[in-house]
C-alpha atoms as a PDB file:
ATOM      1  CA  MET A   1     105.153  86.610  96.837  1.00  0.00           C
ATOM      2  CA  GLY A   2     102.898  88.713  94.693  1.00  0.00           C
ATOM      3  CA  ASP A   3      99.654  90.552  95.150  1.00  0.00           C
ATOM      4  CA  ARG A   4      96.963  88.161  96.367  1.00  0.00           C
ATOM      5  CA  LEU A   5      94.125  87.981  98.797  1.00  0.00           C
ATOM      6  CA  GLU A   6      94.667  86.395 102.175  1.00  0.00           C
ATOM      7  CA  PRO A   7      93.460  82.785 102.069  1.00  0.00           C
ATOM      8  CA  LEU A   8      89.985  81.917 103.237  1.00  0.00           C
ATOM      9  CA  ARG A   9      90.652  80.393 106.655  1.00  0.00           C
ATOM     10  CA  GLY A  10      88.280  77.634 107.646  1.00  0.00           C
ATOM     11  CA  VAL A  11      86.037  75.135 105.914  1.00  0.00           C
ATOM     12  CA  ILE A  12      85.091  75.704 102.273  1.00  0.00           C
ATOM     13  CA  SER A  13      82.241  73.773 100.691  1.00  0.00           C
ATOM     14  CA  PRO A  14      82.454  72.525  97.100  1.00  0.00           C
ATOM     15  CA  THR A  15      78.812  73.302  96.626  1.00  0.00           C
ATOM     16  CA  LEU A  16      76.307  70.759  95.368  1.00  0.00           C
ATOM     17  CA  THR A  17      74.390  71.887  92.276  1.00  0.00           C
ATOM     18  CA  PRO A  18      70.623  71.382  92.631  1.00  0.00           C
ATOM     19  CA  PHE A  19      68.485  70.632  89.589  1.00  0.00           C
ATOM     20  CA  ASN A  20      64.833  71.077  88.747  1.00  0.00           C
ATOM     21  CA  ASP A  21      62.885  68.059  87.564  1.00  0.00           C
ATOM     22  CA  ASP A  22      63.792  68.914  83.961  1.00  0.00           C
ATOM     23  CA  LEU A  23      67.445  68.927  85.072  1.00  0.00           C
ATOM     24  CA  THR A  24      67.950  72.646  84.596  1.00  0.00           C
ATOM     25  CA  ILE A  25      69.828  74.299  87.453  1.00  0.00           C
ATOM     26  CA  ALA A  26      67.505  75.173  90.349  1.00  0.00           C
ATOM     27  CA  HIS A  27      68.872  78.665  90.935  1.00  0.00           C
ATOM     28  CA  ASP A  28      66.646  79.309  93.940  1.00  0.00           C
ATOM     29  CA  LEU A  29      67.929  76.236  95.785  1.00  0.00           C
ATOM     30  CA  PHE A  30      71.485  76.985  94.681  1.00  0.00           C
ATOM     31  CA  SER A  31      71.582  80.467  96.157  1.00  0.00           C
ATOM     32  CA  ASP A  32      69.604  79.513  99.278  1.00  0.00           C
ATOM     33  CA  HIS A  33      71.987  76.633  99.954  1.00  0.00           C
ATOM     34  CA  ALA A  34      75.015  78.861  99.408  1.00  0.00           C
ATOM     35  CA  GLN A  35      73.699  81.417 101.874  1.00  0.00           C
ATOM     36  CA  HIS A  36      72.907  78.713 104.412  1.00  0.00           C
ATOM     37  CA  LEU A  37      76.412  77.268 104.187  1.00  0.00           C
ATOM     38  CA  LEU A  38      77.969  80.669 104.785  1.00  0.00           C
ATOM     39  CA  GLU A  39      75.667  81.215 107.765  1.00  0.00           C
ATOM     40  CA  THR A  40      76.425  77.869 109.395  1.00  0.00           C
ATOM     41  CA  GLY A  41      80.199  77.530 109.318  1.00  0.00           C
ATOM     42  CA  CYS A  42      81.669  77.881 105.835  1.00  0.00           C
ATOM     43  CA  VAL A  43      84.121  80.709 105.189  1.00  0.00           C
ATOM     44  CA  GLY A  44      83.863  80.198 101.458  1.00  0.00           C
ATOM     45  CA  LEU A  45      82.349  78.181  98.645  1.00  0.00           C
ATOM     46  CA  ALA A  46      83.841  76.382  95.665  1.00  0.00           C
ATOM     47  CA  PRO A  47      80.989  75.929  93.174  1.00  0.00           C
ATOM     48  CA  PHE A  48      81.487  73.834  90.043  1.00  0.00           C
ATOM     49  CA  GLY A  49      83.854  71.285  91.478  1.00  0.00           C
ATOM     50  CA  THR A  50      83.566  67.527  91.404  1.00  0.00           C
ATOM     51  CA  THR A  51      80.840  67.561  94.069  1.00  0.00           C
ATOM     52  CA  GLY A  52      78.964  70.193  92.042  1.00  0.00           C
ATOM     53  CA  GLU A  53      78.765  67.862  89.011  1.00  0.00           C
ATOM     54  CA  ALA A  54      80.714  70.541  87.156  1.00  0.00           C
ATOM     55  CA  LEU A  55      81.600  68.422  84.169  1.00  0.00           C
ATOM     56  CA  SER A  56      77.877  67.791  83.638  1.00  0.00           C
ATOM     57  CA  LEU A  57      77.255  71.547  83.363  1.00  0.00           C
ATOM     58  CA  GLY A  58      77.536  73.652  80.225  1.00  0.00           C
ATOM     59  CA  ILE A  59      79.728  76.733  80.044  1.00  0.00           C
ATOM     60  CA  GLU A  60      76.775  79.113  79.768  1.00  0.00           C
ATOM     61  CA  GLU A  61      75.112  77.375  82.707  1.00  0.00           C
ATOM     62  CA  ARG A  62      78.165  77.939  84.879  1.00  0.00           C
ATOM     63  CA  ILE A  63      78.357  81.601  83.897  1.00  0.00           C
ATOM     64  CA  ALA A  64      74.665  82.192  84.614  1.00  0.00           C
ATOM     65  CA  ALA A  65      74.750  80.288  87.923  1.00  0.00           C
ATOM     66  CA  LEU A  66      77.774  82.198  89.215  1.00  0.00           C
ATOM     67  CA  GLU A  67      76.206  85.513  88.292  1.00  0.00           C
ATOM     68  CA  HIS A  68      72.986  84.467  90.011  1.00  0.00           C
ATOM     69  CA  LEU A  69      74.826  83.672  93.255  1.00  0.00           C
ATOM     70  CA  ILE A  70      76.421  87.095  93.287  1.00  0.00           C
ATOM     71  CA  ASP A  71      73.198  88.831  92.291  1.00  0.00           C
ATOM     72  CA  ARG A  72      71.544  87.147  95.283  1.00  0.00           C
ATOM     73  CA  GLY A  73      74.103  88.680  97.631  1.00  0.00           C
ATOM     74  CA  ILE A  74      76.870  86.070  97.886  1.00  0.00           C
ATOM     75  CA  ASP A  75      80.152  87.962  98.284  1.00  0.00           C
ATOM     76  CA  PRO A  76      82.429  87.019  95.359  1.00  0.00           C
ATOM     77  CA  LYS A  77      85.429  87.312  97.678  1.00  0.00           C
ATOM     78  CA  ARG A  78      84.146  84.143  99.318  1.00  0.00           C
ATOM     79  CA  LEU A  79      83.918  82.193  96.048  1.00  0.00           C
ATOM     80  CA  ILE A  80      86.533  80.011  94.355  1.00  0.00           C
ATOM     81  CA  PRO A  81      84.628  78.559  91.394  1.00  0.00           C
ATOM     82  CA  GLY A  82      85.904  75.651  89.352  1.00  0.00           C
ATOM     83  CA  THR A  83      86.850  76.748  85.855  1.00  0.00           C
ATOM     84  CA  GLY A  84      89.070  73.980  84.493  1.00  0.00           C
ATOM     85  CA  LEU A  85      88.133  72.185  81.283  1.00  0.00           C
ATOM     86  CA  THR A  86      90.148  70.217  78.741  1.00  0.00           C
ATOM     87  CA  ASN A  87      90.959  73.144  76.459  1.00  0.00           C
ATOM     88  CA  LEU A  88      92.548  76.527  77.058  1.00  0.00           C
ATOM     89  CA  PRO A  89      89.965  78.750  75.315  1.00  0.00           C
ATOM     90  CA  ASP A  90      87.044  77.549  77.458  1.00  0.00           C
ATOM     91  CA  THR A  91      89.108  77.392  80.652  1.00  0.00           C
ATOM     92  CA  ALA A  92      90.323  80.944  80.011  1.00  0.00           C
ATOM     93  CA  ARG A  93      86.793  82.152  79.338  1.00  0.00           C
ATOM     94  CA  LEU A  94      85.409  80.756  82.592  1.00  0.00           C
ATOM     95  CA  THR A  95      88.434  81.923  84.530  1.00  0.00           C
ATOM     96  CA  ARG A  96      88.252  85.446  83.120  1.00  0.00           C
ATOM     97  CA  HIS A  97      84.561  85.555  84.042  1.00  0.00           C
ATOM     98  CA  ALA A  98      85.367  84.619  87.653  1.00  0.00           C
ATOM     99  CA  VAL A  99      88.175  87.189  87.804  1.00  0.00           C
ATOM    100  CA  ASP A 100      85.990  89.931  86.350  1.00  0.00           C
ATOM    101  CA  LEU A 101      83.317  89.217  88.969  1.00  0.00           C
ATOM    102  CA  GLY A 102      85.886  89.668  91.738  1.00  0.00           C
ATOM    103  CA  CYS A 103      86.036  86.063  92.944  1.00  0.00           C
ATOM    104  CA  ALA A 104      88.690  85.084  95.485  1.00  0.00           C
ATOM    105  CA  GLY A 105      90.215  82.711  92.971  1.00  0.00           C
ATOM    106  CA  ALA A 106      89.576  80.075  90.342  1.00  0.00           C
ATOM    107  CA  LEU A 107      90.007  76.342  90.937  1.00  0.00           C
ATOM    108  CA  VAL A 108      91.509  74.827  87.794  1.00  0.00           C
ATOM    109  CA  LEU A 109      91.834  71.178  86.860  1.00  0.00           C
ATOM    110  CA  PRO A 110      94.635  70.020  84.601  1.00  0.00           C
ATOM    111  CA  PRO A 111      93.507  69.076  81.078  1.00  0.00           C
ATOM    112  CA  PHE A 112      92.251  65.610  81.885  1.00  0.00           C
ATOM    113  CA  TYR A 113      91.294  63.842  78.648  1.00  0.00           C
ATOM    114  CA  PHE A 114      94.751  62.904  77.395  1.00  0.00           C
ATOM    115  CA  LYS A 115      96.598  60.594  79.781  1.00  0.00           C
ATOM    116  CA  ASN A 116     100.292  60.036  80.506  1.00  0.00           C
ATOM    117  CA  VAL A 117     101.121  63.619  79.594  1.00  0.00           C
ATOM    118  CA  SER A 118     104.403  65.123  80.730  1.00  0.00           C
ATOM    119  CA  ASP A 119     105.003  67.779  83.338  1.00  0.00           C
ATOM    120  CA  ASP A 120     106.321  69.945  80.508  1.00  0.00           C
ATOM    121  CA  GLY A 121     102.986  69.655  78.718  1.00  0.00           C
ATOM    122  CA  LEU A 122     101.023  70.467  81.853  1.00  0.00           C
ATOM    123  CA  PHE A 123     103.309  73.406  82.593  1.00  0.00           C
ATOM    124  CA  ALA A 124     102.657  74.739  79.093  1.00  0.00           C
ATOM    125  CA  TYR A 125      98.910  74.463  79.654  1.00  0.00           C
ATOM    126  CA  PHE A 126      98.912  76.487  82.867  1.00  0.00           C
ATOM    127  CA  ALA A 127     101.480  78.931  81.477  1.00  0.00           C
ATOM    128  CA  GLY A 128      99.164  79.449  78.542  1.00  0.00           C
ATOM    129  CA  LEU A 129      96.283  80.169  80.892  1.00  0.00           C
ATOM    130  CA  VAL A 130      98.335  82.755  82.777  1.00  0.00           C
ATOM    131  CA  GLU A 131      99.360  84.387  79.495  1.00  0.00           C
ATOM    132  CA  ARG A 132      95.740  84.578  78.345  1.00  0.00           C
ATOM    133  CA  MET A 133      94.917  86.332  81.630  1.00  0.00           C
ATOM    134  CA  ALA A 134      97.649  88.938  81.172  1.00  0.00           C
ATOM    135  CA  ALA A 135      95.293  91.765  82.193  1.00  0.00           C
ATOM    136  CA  GLY A 136      95.891  90.701  85.799  1.00  0.00           C
ATOM    137  CA  GLY A 137      93.775  89.708  88.759  1.00  0.00           C
ATOM    138  CA  LEU A 138      94.248  85.963  88.344  1.00  0.00           C
ATOM    139  CA  ARG A 139      94.502  83.948  91.562  1.00  0.00           C
ATOM    140  CA  LEU A 140      94.840  80.370  90.479  1.00  0.00           C
ATOM    141  CA  TYR A 141      94.214  77.377  92.726  1.00  0.00           C
ATOM    142  CA  LEU A 142      95.426  74.178  91.125  1.00  0.00           C
ATOM    143  CA  TYR A 143      93.052  71.226  91.474  1.00  0.00           C
ATOM    144  CA  HIS A 144      94.835  67.935  92.093  1.00  0.00           C
ATOM    145  CA  ILE A 145      92.399  65.024  92.012  1.00  0.00           C
ATOM    146  CA  PRO A 146      94.105  62.096  90.266  1.00  0.00           C
ATOM    147  CA  PRO A 147      91.581  59.468  91.466  1.00  0.00           C
ATOM    148  CA  VAL A 148      89.009  61.214  89.238  1.00  0.00           C
ATOM    149  CA  ALA A 149      90.914  63.191  86.614  1.00  0.00           C
ATOM    150  CA  GLN A 150      93.575  60.488  86.122  1.00  0.00           C
ATOM    151  CA  VAL A 151      95.948  63.382  85.406  1.00  0.00           C
ATOM    152  CA  GLY A 152      97.766  64.631  88.458  1.00  0.00           C
ATOM    153  CA  LEU A 153     100.028  67.527  89.353  1.00  0.00           C
ATOM    154  CA  SER A 154     103.373  66.387  90.724  1.00  0.00           C
ATOM    155  CA  VAL A 155     104.960  68.300  93.575  1.00  0.00           C
ATOM    156  CA  ASP A 156     107.838  69.169  91.225  1.00  0.00           C
ATOM    157  CA  LEU A 157     105.388  70.650  88.720  1.00  0.00           C
ATOM    158  CA  VAL A 158     103.605  72.623  91.429  1.00  0.00           C
ATOM    159  CA  GLN A 159     106.958  74.005  92.604  1.00  0.00           C
ATOM    160  CA  ARG A 160     107.822  74.978  89.036  1.00  0.00           C
ATOM    161  CA  LEU A 161     104.505  76.726  88.451  1.00  0.00           C
ATOM    162  CA  ARG A 162     104.725  78.526  91.776  1.00  0.00           C
ATOM    163  CA  ALA A 163     108.252  79.738  91.018  1.00  0.00           C
ATOM    164  CA  ALA A 164     107.340  80.897  87.509  1.00  0.00           C
ATOM    165  CA  PHE A 165     104.053  82.589  88.418  1.00  0.00           C
ATOM    166  CA  PRO A 166     104.138  83.527  92.127  1.00  0.00           C
ATOM    167  CA  ALA A 167     101.485  86.237  91.783  1.00  0.00           C
ATOM    168  CA  GLN A 168      99.055  83.984  89.902  1.00  0.00           C
ATOM    169  CA  VAL A 169      99.568  80.413  91.156  1.00  0.00           C
ATOM    170  CA  VAL A 170      98.633  80.973  94.780  1.00  0.00           C
ATOM    171  CA  GLY A 171      97.229  77.667  96.008  1.00  0.00           C
ATOM    172  CA  ILE A 172      96.096  74.102  95.478  1.00  0.00           C
ATOM    173  CA  LYS A 173      93.277  71.812  96.471  1.00  0.00           C
ATOM    174  CA  ASP A 174      94.819  68.411  97.093  1.00  0.00           C
ATOM    175  CA  SER A 175      92.142  65.759  96.653  1.00  0.00           C
ATOM    176  CA  SER A 176      94.626  62.960  96.101  1.00  0.00           C
ATOM    177  CA  GLY A 177      93.726  61.307  99.407  1.00  0.00           C
ATOM    178  CA  ASP A 178      97.480  60.829  99.868  1.00  0.00           C
ATOM    179  CA  TRP A 179      98.643  62.499 103.090  1.00  0.00           C
ATOM    180  CA  THR A 180     102.297  62.196 102.041  1.00  0.00           C
ATOM    181  CA  ASN A 181     101.547  64.318  98.987  1.00  0.00           C
ATOM    182  CA  THR A 182      99.626  66.892 101.023  1.00  0.00           C
ATOM    183  CA  ARG A 183     102.434  67.079 103.570  1.00  0.00           C
ATOM    184  CA  ARG A 184     104.997  67.663 100.828  1.00  0.00           C
ATOM    185  CA  LEU A 185     102.941  70.485  99.358  1.00  0.00           C
ATOM    186  CA  LEU A 186     102.657  72.098 102.784  1.00  0.00           C
ATOM    187  CA  THR A 187     106.344  71.785 103.604  1.00  0.00           C
ATOM    188  CA  GLU A 188     108.152  71.986 100.267  1.00  0.00           C
ATOM    189  CA  VAL A 189     106.348  74.622  98.187  1.00  0.00           C
ATOM    190  CA  ALA A 190     107.068  78.015  99.712  1.00  0.00           C
ATOM    191  CA  GLY A 191     104.145  80.370 100.087  1.00  0.00           C
ATOM    192  CA  LEU A 192     101.576  77.997  98.572  1.00  0.00           C
ATOM    193  CA  ILE A 193      98.068  77.929 100.086  1.00  0.00           C
ATOM    194  CA  VAL A 194      97.224  74.240 100.512  1.00  0.00           C
ATOM    195  CA  TYR A 195      93.698  72.988 101.145  1.00  0.00           C
ATOM    196  CA  PRO A 196      93.301  69.250 101.686  1.00  0.00           C
ATOM    197  CA  GLY A 197      90.267  67.984  99.816  1.00  0.00           C
ATOM    198  CA  SER A 198      88.888  66.164 102.843  1.00  0.00           C
ATOM    199  CA  GLU A 199      88.414  66.695 106.555  1.00  0.00           C
ATOM    200  CA  LEU A 200      90.036  63.325 107.271  1.00  0.00           C
ATOM    201  CA  SER A 201      93.543  64.831 107.462  1.00  0.00           C
ATOM    202  CA  LEU A 202      92.360  68.220 108.734  1.00  0.00           C
ATOM    203  CA  LEU A 203      94.219  68.392 112.053  1.00  0.00           C
ATOM    204  CA  ASP A 204      97.484  67.200 110.553  1.00  0.00           C
ATOM    205  CA  ALA A 205      97.144  69.789 107.790  1.00  0.00           C
ATOM    206  CA  LEU A 206      96.350  72.604 110.222  1.00  0.00           C
ATOM    207  CA  SER A 207      99.455  71.713 112.224  1.00  0.00           C
ATOM    208  CA  LEU A 208     101.561  72.330 109.112  1.00  0.00           C
ATOM    209  CA  GLY A 209      99.962  75.662 108.266  1.00  0.00           C
ATOM    210  CA  ALA A 210      96.981  74.794 106.086  1.00  0.00           C
ATOM    211  CA  PRO A 211      94.278  77.472 106.372  1.00  0.00           C
ATOM    212  CA  GLY A 212      91.463  74.905 106.383  1.00  0.00           C
ATOM    213  CA  CYS A 213      90.001  72.384 103.964  1.00  0.00           C
ATOM    214  CA  ILE A 214      87.709  72.172 100.948  1.00  0.00           C
ATOM    215  CA  THR A 215      85.462  69.204 101.600  1.00  0.00           C
ATOM    216  CA  ALA A 216      82.337  67.756 100.033  1.00  0.00           C
ATOM    217  CA  THR A 217      80.616  66.892 103.296  1.00  0.00           C
ATOM    218  CA  ALA A 218      80.619  70.542 104.321  1.00  0.00           C
ATOM    219  CA  ASN A 219      77.382  70.582 102.325  1.00  0.00           C
ATOM    220  CA  ILE A 220      75.716  68.836 105.266  1.00  0.00           C
ATOM    221  CA  ASN A 221      78.208  69.133 108.127  1.00  0.00           C
ATOM    222  CA  ALA A 222      79.824  72.568 107.920  1.00  0.00           C
ATOM    223  CA  ALA A 223      79.118  73.482 111.535  1.00  0.00           C
ATOM    224  CA  GLN A 224      80.917  70.503 113.064  1.00  0.00           C
ATOM    225  CA  ILE A 225      83.928  70.811 110.748  1.00  0.00           C
ATOM    226  CA  ALA A 226      84.173  74.518 111.544  1.00  0.00           C
ATOM    227  CA  GLU A 227      84.031  73.685 115.249  1.00  0.00           C
ATOM    228  CA  VAL A 228      87.035  71.377 114.936  1.00  0.00           C
ATOM    229  CA  ILE A 229      89.026  74.159 113.273  1.00  0.00           C
ATOM    230  CA  ALA A 230      87.967  76.717 115.884  1.00  0.00           C
ATOM    231  CA  LEU A 231      88.957  74.428 118.763  1.00  0.00           C
ATOM    232  CA  TYR A 232      92.353  73.784 117.219  1.00  0.00           C
ATOM    233  CA  ARG A 233      93.003  77.482 116.693  1.00  0.00           C
ATOM    234  CA  ASP A 234      91.995  78.202 120.270  1.00  0.00           C
ATOM    235  CA  GLY A 235      94.713  75.836 121.452  1.00  0.00           C
ATOM    236  CA  LYS A 236      92.233  73.173 122.553  1.00  0.00           C
ATOM    237  CA  GLU A 237      93.929  70.418 120.610  1.00  0.00           C
ATOM    238  CA  ALA A 238      92.673  67.506 122.694  1.00  0.00           C
ATOM    239  CA  GLU A 239      89.066  68.668 122.351  1.00  0.00           C
ATOM    240  CA  ALA A 240      89.586  69.282 118.645  1.00  0.00           C
ATOM    241  CA  LYS A 241      90.817  65.721 118.280  1.00  0.00           C
ATOM    242  CA  ARG A 242      87.763  64.355 120.105  1.00  0.00           C
ATOM    243  CA  GLN A 243      85.384  66.410 117.971  1.00  0.00           C
ATOM    244  CA  HIS A 244      87.248  65.350 114.848  1.00  0.00           C
ATOM    245  CA  GLU A 245      86.370  61.676 115.309  1.00  0.00           C
ATOM    246  CA  PRO A 246      82.617  61.900 114.577  1.00  0.00           C
ATOM    247  CA  VAL A 247      83.355  64.361 111.766  1.00  0.00           C
ATOM    248  CA  LYS A 248      85.597  61.784 110.112  1.00  0.00           C
ATOM    249  CA  GLN A 249      83.109  59.000 110.713  1.00  0.00           C
ATOM    250  CA  LEU A 250      80.311  60.985 109.080  1.00  0.00           C
ATOM    251  CA  ARG A 251      82.386  61.455 105.954  1.00  0.00           C
ATOM    252  CA  LEU A 252      83.341  57.796 105.782  1.00  0.00           C
ATOM    253  CA  THR A 253      79.702  56.778 106.221  1.00  0.00           C
ATOM    254  CA  VAL A 254      78.450  59.103 103.477  1.00  0.00           C
ATOM    255  CA  GLN A 255      81.220  57.987 101.108  1.00  0.00           C
ATOM    256  CA  GLU A 256      79.918  54.444 101.187  1.00  0.00           C
ATOM    257  CA  TYR A 257      76.677  55.577  99.533  1.00  0.00           C
ATOM    258  CA  GLY A 258      78.209  57.837  96.866  1.00  0.00           C
ATOM    259  CA  PRO A 259      78.732  61.363  98.235  1.00  0.00           C
ATOM    260  CA  ILE A 260      76.833  63.316  95.591  1.00  0.00           C
ATOM    261  CA  PRO A 261      73.559  61.340  95.378  1.00  0.00           C
ATOM    262  CA  ALA A 262      73.759  60.598  99.125  1.00  0.00           C
ATOM    263  CA  GLN A 263      74.066  64.206 100.233  1.00  0.00           C
ATOM    264  CA  LYS A 264      71.379  65.275  97.792  1.00  0.00           C
ATOM    265  CA  TYR A 265      69.072  62.625  99.218  1.00  0.00           C
ATOM    266  CA  LEU A 266      69.694  63.888 102.743  1.00  0.00           C
ATOM    267  CA  LEU A 267      69.091  67.522 101.782  1.00  0.00           C
ATOM    268  CA  SER A 268      65.862  66.507 100.060  1.00  0.00           C
ATOM    269  CA  ALA A 269      64.665  64.534 103.070  1.00  0.00           C
ATOM    270  CA  TRP A 270      65.579  67.248 105.550  1.00  0.00           C
ATOM    271  CA  SER A 271      64.274  70.214 103.538  1.00  0.00           C
ATOM    272  CA  GLY A 272      61.169  68.567 102.090  1.00  0.00           C
ATOM    273  CA  ASP A 273      62.125  69.769  98.586  1.00  0.00           C
ATOM    274  CA  LYS A 274      62.207  66.722  96.315  1.00  0.00           C
ATOM    275  CA  ARG A 275      64.246  68.581  93.710  1.00  0.00           C
ATOM    276  CA  TRP A 276      67.333  68.041  95.831  1.00  0.00           C
ATOM    277  CA  ARG A 277      67.183  64.352  94.844  1.00  0.00           C
ATOM    278  CA  ASN A 278      67.912  65.161  91.210  1.00  0.00           C
ATOM    279  CA  VAL A 279      71.297  64.381  89.685  1.00  0.00           C
ATOM    280  CA  ARG A 280      72.406  64.578  86.090  1.00  0.00           C
ATOM    281  CA  PRO A 281      73.501  61.498  84.162  1.00  0.00           C
ATOM    282  CA  PRO A 282      75.702  59.539  84.432  1.00  0.00           C
ATOM    283  CA  PHE A 283      74.779  59.720  88.140  1.00  0.00           C
ATOM    284  CA  VAL A 284      71.503  58.188  89.277  1.00  0.00           C
ATOM    285  CA  ASN A 285      69.387  59.138  92.298  1.00  0.00           C
ATOM    286  CA  LEU A 286      70.052  57.310  95.534  1.00  0.00           C
ATOM    287  CA  PRO A 287      67.274  54.731  96.007  1.00  0.00           C
ATOM    288  CA  ASP A 288      64.858  55.386  98.858  1.00  0.00           C
ATOM    289  CA  ALA A 289      65.881  52.266 100.755  1.00  0.00           C
ATOM    290  CA  ALA A 290      69.553  53.218 100.672  1.00  0.00           C
ATOM    291  CA  GLY A 291      68.751  56.811 101.597  1.00  0.00           C
ATOM    292  CA  ARG A 292      66.716  55.773 104.616  1.00  0.00           C
ATOM    293  CA  GLN A 293      69.485  53.391 105.656  1.00  0.00           C
ATOM    294  CA  LEU A 294      72.040  56.218 105.465  1.00  0.00           C
ATOM    295  CA  SER A 295      69.854  58.660 107.359  1.00  0.00           C
ATOM    296  CA  ASP A 296      69.169  56.083 110.075  1.00  0.00           C
ATOM    297  CA  ALA A 297      72.875  55.274 110.383  1.00  0.00           C
ATOM    298  CA  LEU A 298      73.810  58.937 110.816  1.00  0.00           C
ATOM    299  CA  GLN A 299      71.224  59.464 113.523  1.00  0.00           C
ATOM    300  CA  ARG A 300      71.815  56.139 115.276  1.00  0.00           C
ATOM    301  CA  ASP A 301      75.612  56.029 115.226  1.00  0.00           C
ATOM    302  CA  LEU A 302      76.507  59.724 115.248  1.00  0.00           C
ATOM    303  CA  ALA A 303      73.423  61.406 116.740  1.00  0.00           C
ATOM    304  CA  PHE A 304      73.457  63.562 113.626  1.00  0.00           C
ATOM    305  CA  SER A 305      70.204  65.505 113.632  1.00  0.00           C
ATOM    306  CA  PRO A 306      69.230  67.467 110.521  1.00  0.00           C
ATOM    307  CA  LEU A 307      67.483  70.027 112.697  1.00  0.00           C
ATOM    308  CA  ARG A 308      70.887  71.082 114.000  1.00  0.00           C
ATOM    309  CA  HIS A 309      72.733  71.020 110.724  1.00  0.00           C
ATOM    310  CA  THR A 310      70.525  72.223 107.900  1.00  0.00           C
ATOM    311  CA  ARG A 311      67.607  74.491 107.217  1.00  0.00           C
ATOM    312  CA  VAL A 312      64.313  72.605 107.152  1.00  0.00           C
END
């Protein structure tokens, strides 16, 4: 179905973006965190997604940050950066940059400002992106996240794009939270690489051929998620199911506090680097009282020790 890389098989982290106190990107923390994730369970990284506060970053910032990661030794074949914006020229520029650097793919949102747009309009947008990338090398992962973008990608549209551009439209991240939709993508769109956007449905997705998942909480829990996948692949399905329970509970607990500020609070507390607390507006930092409550809950209810799961 076209020339493409084999999918990254395992857990992929949509990497948090750390900021200095002046809210510039903290490149040292960014690359150190990326390396740590790859050393502790992640098979790949998806910088500049929702978890990475991508839509709070400028185009030049994204370009510089991606180049910095690669300059610091992160293999581009393990990167699927987010490149989708609301207009084709900027989306094409970021996507071309990722392709030229040799990234495994680009994760592209639909144009999300105008609502109630037709599948024909969305098809034209992605077709236009493919045409602008005519030099080749494009491996496009669609990014379906209607709870945030409010513009989704129907299964019919995904089928149409896949049929029209089999060498370019190679996969999708389904962050709909709708297992029926994920199941349809896995069973109805031939040859499509499907990553659920959460570990909650991980075992069901693996059973239908998903290579893994792209999940926010891999930023703090990559090792345990990777262990669930490894157990399943080793045929130890009962053990995988048991290990999956605390993994799901951790995600549900973190979600209650707002996953971006909450995970940044935890990384700050565990690493001792206060810069990890910083978020860009419109987000606000997690208050200390809430952060301590979250940390206590993780250790009390899930025996989740930072010493086992992150560099201190």
